[in-house]
C-alpha atoms as a PDB file:
ATOM      1  CA  MET A   1       5.192   1.949  26.409  1.00  0.00           C
ATOM      2  CA  LYS A   2       3.817   5.495  26.445  1.00  0.00           C
ATOM      3  CA  ASN A   3       6.452   6.619  23.922  1.00  0.00           C
ATOM      4  CA  ILE A   4       5.649   3.710  21.606  1.00  0.00           C
ATOM      5  CA  PHE A   5       1.941   4.556  21.697  1.00  0.00           C
ATOM      6  CA  ARG A   6       2.715   8.227  21.015  1.00  0.00           C
ATOM      7  CA  LEU A   7       4.935   7.226  18.077  1.00  0.00           C
ATOM      8  CA  TYR A   8       2.137   4.978  16.774  1.00  0.00           C
ATOM      9  CA  LEU A   9      -0.385   7.801  17.055  1.00  0.00           C
ATOM     10  CA  ILE A  10       1.916  10.265  15.282  1.00  0.00           C
ATOM     11  CA  ASP A  11       2.772   7.811  12.500  1.00  0.00           C
ATOM     12  CA  THR A  12      -0.882   6.934  11.943  1.00  0.00           C
ATOM     13  CA  LEU A  13      -2.001  10.583  11.879  1.00  0.00           C
ATOM     14  CA  ALA A  14       0.806  11.489   9.486  1.00  0.00           C
ATOM     15  CA  LEU A  15      -0.033   8.532   7.234  1.00  0.00           C
ATOM     16  CA  TYR A  16      -3.696   9.586   7.214  1.00  0.00           C
ATOM     17  CA  ALA A  17      -2.747  13.154   6.308  1.00  0.00           C
ATOM     18  CA  VAL A  18      -0.460  11.980   3.496  1.00  0.00           C
ATOM     19  CA  THR A  19      -3.140   9.699   2.033  1.00  0.00           C
ATOM     20  CA  ASN A  20      -5.529  12.679   1.960  1.00  0.00           C
ATOM     21  CA  LEU A  21      -2.911  15.027   0.506  1.00  0.00           C
ATOM     22  CA  ALA A  22      -1.825  12.876  -2.439  1.00  0.00           C
ATOM     23  CA  SER A  23      -3.512   9.953  -4.127  1.00  0.00           C
ATOM     24  CA  GLY A  24      -1.818   6.692  -4.971  1.00  0.00           C
ATOM     25  CA  VAL A  25      -1.950   4.856  -1.633  1.00  0.00           C
ATOM     26  CA  VAL A  26      -4.310   1.888  -1.618  1.00  0.00           C
ATOM     27  CA  LEU A  27      -6.012   1.107   1.695  1.00  0.00           C
ATOM     28  CA  ALA A  28      -8.084  -1.983   0.864  1.00  0.00           C
ATOM     29  CA  LYS A  29     -10.213  -2.078   4.029  1.00  0.00           C
ATOM     30  CA  GLY A  30     -10.079   1.634   4.726  1.00  0.00           C
ATOM     31  CA  PHE A  31      -9.617   2.622   8.354  1.00  0.00           C
ATOM     32  CA  GLU A  32      -8.655  -0.898   9.478  1.00  0.00           C
ATOM     33  CA  THR A  33      -5.820  -1.020   6.953  1.00  0.00           C
ATOM     34  CA  LEU A  34      -4.731   2.470   8.011  1.00  0.00           C
ATOM     35  CA  LEU A  35      -4.435   1.342  11.636  1.00  0.00           C
ATOM     36  CA  LEU A  36      -2.481  -1.775  10.626  1.00  0.00           C
ATOM     37  CA  ALA A  37      -0.208   0.306   8.406  1.00  0.00           C
ATOM     38  CA  GLY A  38       0.368   2.636  11.371  1.00  0.00           C
ATOM     39  CA  VAL A  39       1.459  -0.361  13.453  1.00  0.00           C
ATOM     40  CA  GLY A  40       3.733  -1.533  10.647  1.00  0.00           C
ATOM     41  CA  LEU A  41       5.220   1.931  10.210  1.00  0.00           C
ATOM     42  CA  THR A  42       5.857   2.227  13.948  1.00  0.00           C
ATOM     43  CA  VAL A  43       7.562  -1.160  14.075  1.00  0.00           C
ATOM     44  CA  ALA A  44       9.610  -0.292  11.003  1.00  0.00           C
ATOM     45  CA  SER A  45      10.600   3.030  12.593  1.00  0.00           C
ATOM     46  CA  ILE A  46      11.707   1.334  15.797  1.00  0.00           C
ATOM     47  CA  LEU A  47      13.371  -1.805  14.409  1.00  0.00           C
ATOM     48  CA  ALA A  48      14.136  -1.583  10.699  1.00  0.00           C
ATOM     49  CA  ARG A  49      15.150   2.044  10.119  1.00  0.00           C
ATOM     50  CA  PRO A  50      18.091   2.035  12.554  1.00  0.00           C
ATOM     51  CA  VAL A  51      19.472  -1.110  10.890  1.00  0.00           C
ATOM     52  CA  ILE A  52      18.949   0.354   7.406  1.00  0.00           C
ATOM     53  CA  ASN A  53      20.578   3.637   8.482  1.00  0.00           C
ATOM     54  CA  LEU A  54      23.547   1.723   9.862  1.00  0.00           C
ATOM     55  CA  LEU A  55      23.946  -0.233   6.623  1.00  0.00           C
ATOM     56  CA  LEU A  56      23.662   2.944   4.535  1.00  0.00           C
ATOM     57  CA  LEU A  57      25.902   4.997   6.825  1.00  0.00           C
ATOM     58  CA  PRO A  58      28.720   5.563   4.279  1.00  0.00           C
ATOM     59  CA  LEU A  59      26.273   6.881   1.652  1.00  0.00           C
ATOM     60  CA  ASN A  60      24.540   8.958   4.291  1.00  0.00           C
ATOM     61  CA  LEU A  61      27.828  10.540   5.355  1.00  0.00           C
ATOM     62  CA  VAL A  62      28.858  11.312   1.783  1.00  0.00           C
ATOM     63  CA  THR A  63      25.511  12.950   0.979  1.00  0.00           C
ATOM     64  CA  PHE A  64      25.358  14.813   4.328  1.00  0.00           C
ATOM     65  CA  GLY A  65      22.162  13.049   5.431  1.00  0.00           C
ATOM     66  CA  LEU A  66      20.211  13.354   2.192  1.00  0.00           C
ATOM     67  CA  PHE A  67      20.247   9.588   1.724  1.00  0.00           C
ATOM     68  CA  ARG A  68      18.083   9.175   4.855  1.00  0.00           C
ATOM     69  CA  TRP A  69      14.951   9.549   2.718  1.00  0.00           C
ATOM     70  CA  VAL A  70      15.950   6.399   0.875  1.00  0.00           C
ATOM     71  CA  SER A  71      16.115   4.492   4.167  1.00  0.00           C
ATOM     72  CA  SER A  72      12.637   5.805   4.994  1.00  0.00           C
ATOM     73  CA  ALA A  73      11.460   4.670   1.562  1.00  0.00           C
ATOM     74  CA  ILE A  74      12.890   1.191   2.200  1.00  0.00           C
ATOM     75  CA  ALA A  75      11.071   1.060   5.543  1.00  0.00           C
ATOM     76  CA  LEU A  76       7.861   2.156   3.815  1.00  0.00           C
ATOM     77  CA  TYR A  77       8.354  -0.568   1.197  1.00  0.00           C
ATOM     78  CA  LEU A  78       8.791  -3.133   3.988  1.00  0.00           C
ATOM     79  CA  VAL A  79       5.478  -1.977   5.469  1.00  0.00           C
ATOM     80  CA  THR A  80       3.752  -2.517   2.115  1.00  0.00           C
ATOM     81  CA  LEU A  81       5.147  -6.046   2.050  1.00  0.00           C
ATOM     82  CA  VAL A  82       3.966  -6.909   5.561  1.00  0.00           C
ATOM     83  CA  VAL A  83       0.567  -5.191   5.841  1.00  0.00           C
ATOM     84  CA  PRO A  84      -2.108  -6.814   3.659  1.00  0.00           C
ATOM     85  CA  GLY A  85      -4.207  -4.357   1.679  1.00  0.00           C
ATOM     86  CA  PHE A  86      -1.695  -1.506   1.979  1.00  0.00           C
ATOM     87  CA  SER A  87       0.175  -0.631  -1.190  1.00  0.00           C
ATOM     88  CA  ILE A  88       1.647   2.364  -2.945  1.00  0.00           C
ATOM     89  CA  VAL A  89       0.774   2.548  -6.626  1.00  0.00           C
ATOM     90  CA  ALA A  90       1.922   6.060  -7.519  1.00  0.00           C
ATOM     91  CA  PHE A  91       2.394   9.526  -6.066  1.00  0.00           C
ATOM     92  CA  ASN A  92      -0.193  11.874  -7.569  1.00  0.00           C
ATOM     93  CA  PHE A  93      -0.285  15.392  -6.154  1.00  0.00           C
ATOM     94  CA  PRO A  94      -3.087  17.475  -7.701  1.00  0.00           C
ATOM     95  CA  GLY A  95      -1.270  20.775  -7.189  1.00  0.00           C
ATOM     96  CA  PHE A  96      -1.970  23.801  -5.036  1.00  0.00           C
ATOM     97  CA  VAL A  97      -2.741  27.367  -6.057  1.00  0.00           C
ATOM     98  CA  SER A  98      -3.179  30.275  -3.682  1.00  0.00           C
ATOM     99  CA  LYS A  99      -2.702  33.986  -3.795  1.00  0.00           C
ATOM    100  CA  TRP A 100       0.974  33.760  -2.805  1.00  0.00           C
ATOM    101  CA  ILE A 101       2.201  30.318  -3.882  1.00  0.00           C
ATOM    102  CA  VAL A 102       1.702  27.909  -6.738  1.00  0.00           C
ATOM    103  CA  ILE A 103       2.740  24.264  -6.408  1.00  0.00           C
ATOM    104  CA  PRO A 104       2.390  22.430  -9.742  1.00  0.00           C
ATOM    105  CA  GLN A 105       0.752  19.075 -10.299  1.00  0.00           C
ATOM    106  CA  LEU A 106       3.104  16.119  -9.776  1.00  0.00           C
ATOM    107  CA  SER A 107       2.739  12.477 -10.819  1.00  0.00           C
ATOM    108  CA  ILE A 108       5.434   9.924  -9.985  1.00  0.00           C
ATOM    109  CA  SER A 109       5.309   6.141 -10.268  1.00  0.00           C
ATOM    110  CA  GLY A 110       7.598   3.271  -9.410  1.00  0.00           C
ATOM    111  CA  VAL A 111      10.423   3.465  -6.893  1.00  0.00           C
ATOM    112  CA  LEU A 112      10.382   7.267  -6.878  1.00  0.00           C
ATOM    113  CA  SER A 113       6.841   7.202  -5.515  1.00  0.00           C
ATOM    114  CA  TYR A 114       8.139   5.486  -2.342  1.00  0.00           C
ATOM    115  CA  ILE A 115      10.780   8.201  -1.980  1.00  0.00           C
ATOM    116  CA  ALA A 116       8.189  10.947  -2.531  1.00  0.00           C
ATOM    117  CA  TYR A 117       5.816   9.436   0.022  1.00  0.00           C
ATOM    118  CA  SER A 118       8.625   8.939   2.537  1.00  0.00           C
ATOM    119  CA  PHE A 119       9.654  12.591   2.112  1.00  0.00           C
ATOM    120  CA  VAL A 120       6.099  13.885   2.563  1.00  0.00           C
ATOM    121  CA  LEU A 121       5.530  11.436   5.432  1.00  0.00           C
ATOM    122  CA  SER A 122       8.648  12.655   7.224  1.00  0.00           C
ATOM    123  CA  VAL A 123       7.519  16.282   6.802  1.00  0.00           C
ATOM    124  CA  MET A 124       4.054  15.418   8.139  1.00  0.00           C
ATOM    125  CA  THR A 125       5.554  13.475  11.048  1.00  0.00           C
ATOM    126  CA  SER A 126       7.724  16.459  11.923  1.00  0.00           C
ATOM    127  CA  ILE A 127       4.702  18.765  11.806  1.00  0.00           C
ATOM    128  CA  VAL A 128       2.648  16.459  14.047  1.00  0.00           C
ATOM    129  CA  HIS A 129       5.602  16.144  16.484  1.00  0.00           C
ATOM    130  CA  TRP A 130       5.813  19.938  16.564  1.00  0.00           C
ATOM    131  CA  ILE A 131       2.074  20.330  17.198  1.00  0.00           C
ATOM    132  CA  ILE A 132       2.040  17.747  19.997  1.00  0.00           C
ATOM    133  CA  LYS A 133       5.011  19.286  21.810  1.00  0.00           C
END
């Protein structure tokens, strides 16, 4: 139970960070929808992603694990179907400029926006896991 709560907390924090980093995620009721989406993402991570990964195992083996983002995008799509008020319209990153690095502006819509959000969400989840440990 402790591990499930920790996974819920990490998924919710990562989802909050991603919604602040890039626009295009609609949270109809704000914080309440974020908490429900965190529950949905945790349930999808525990139940749906292993089944999706098993079904997509041949493609995942051929692409050396790069197809795993697609399974995360499918799980994210399932969360948007289940959680009312949570939807992904587009992936709009405003860009980042510093003294050493420039990341250009990026706007993606449609199915690719789910893949972009799942990629950024997996990076944020990994960062939060690293900070907690």
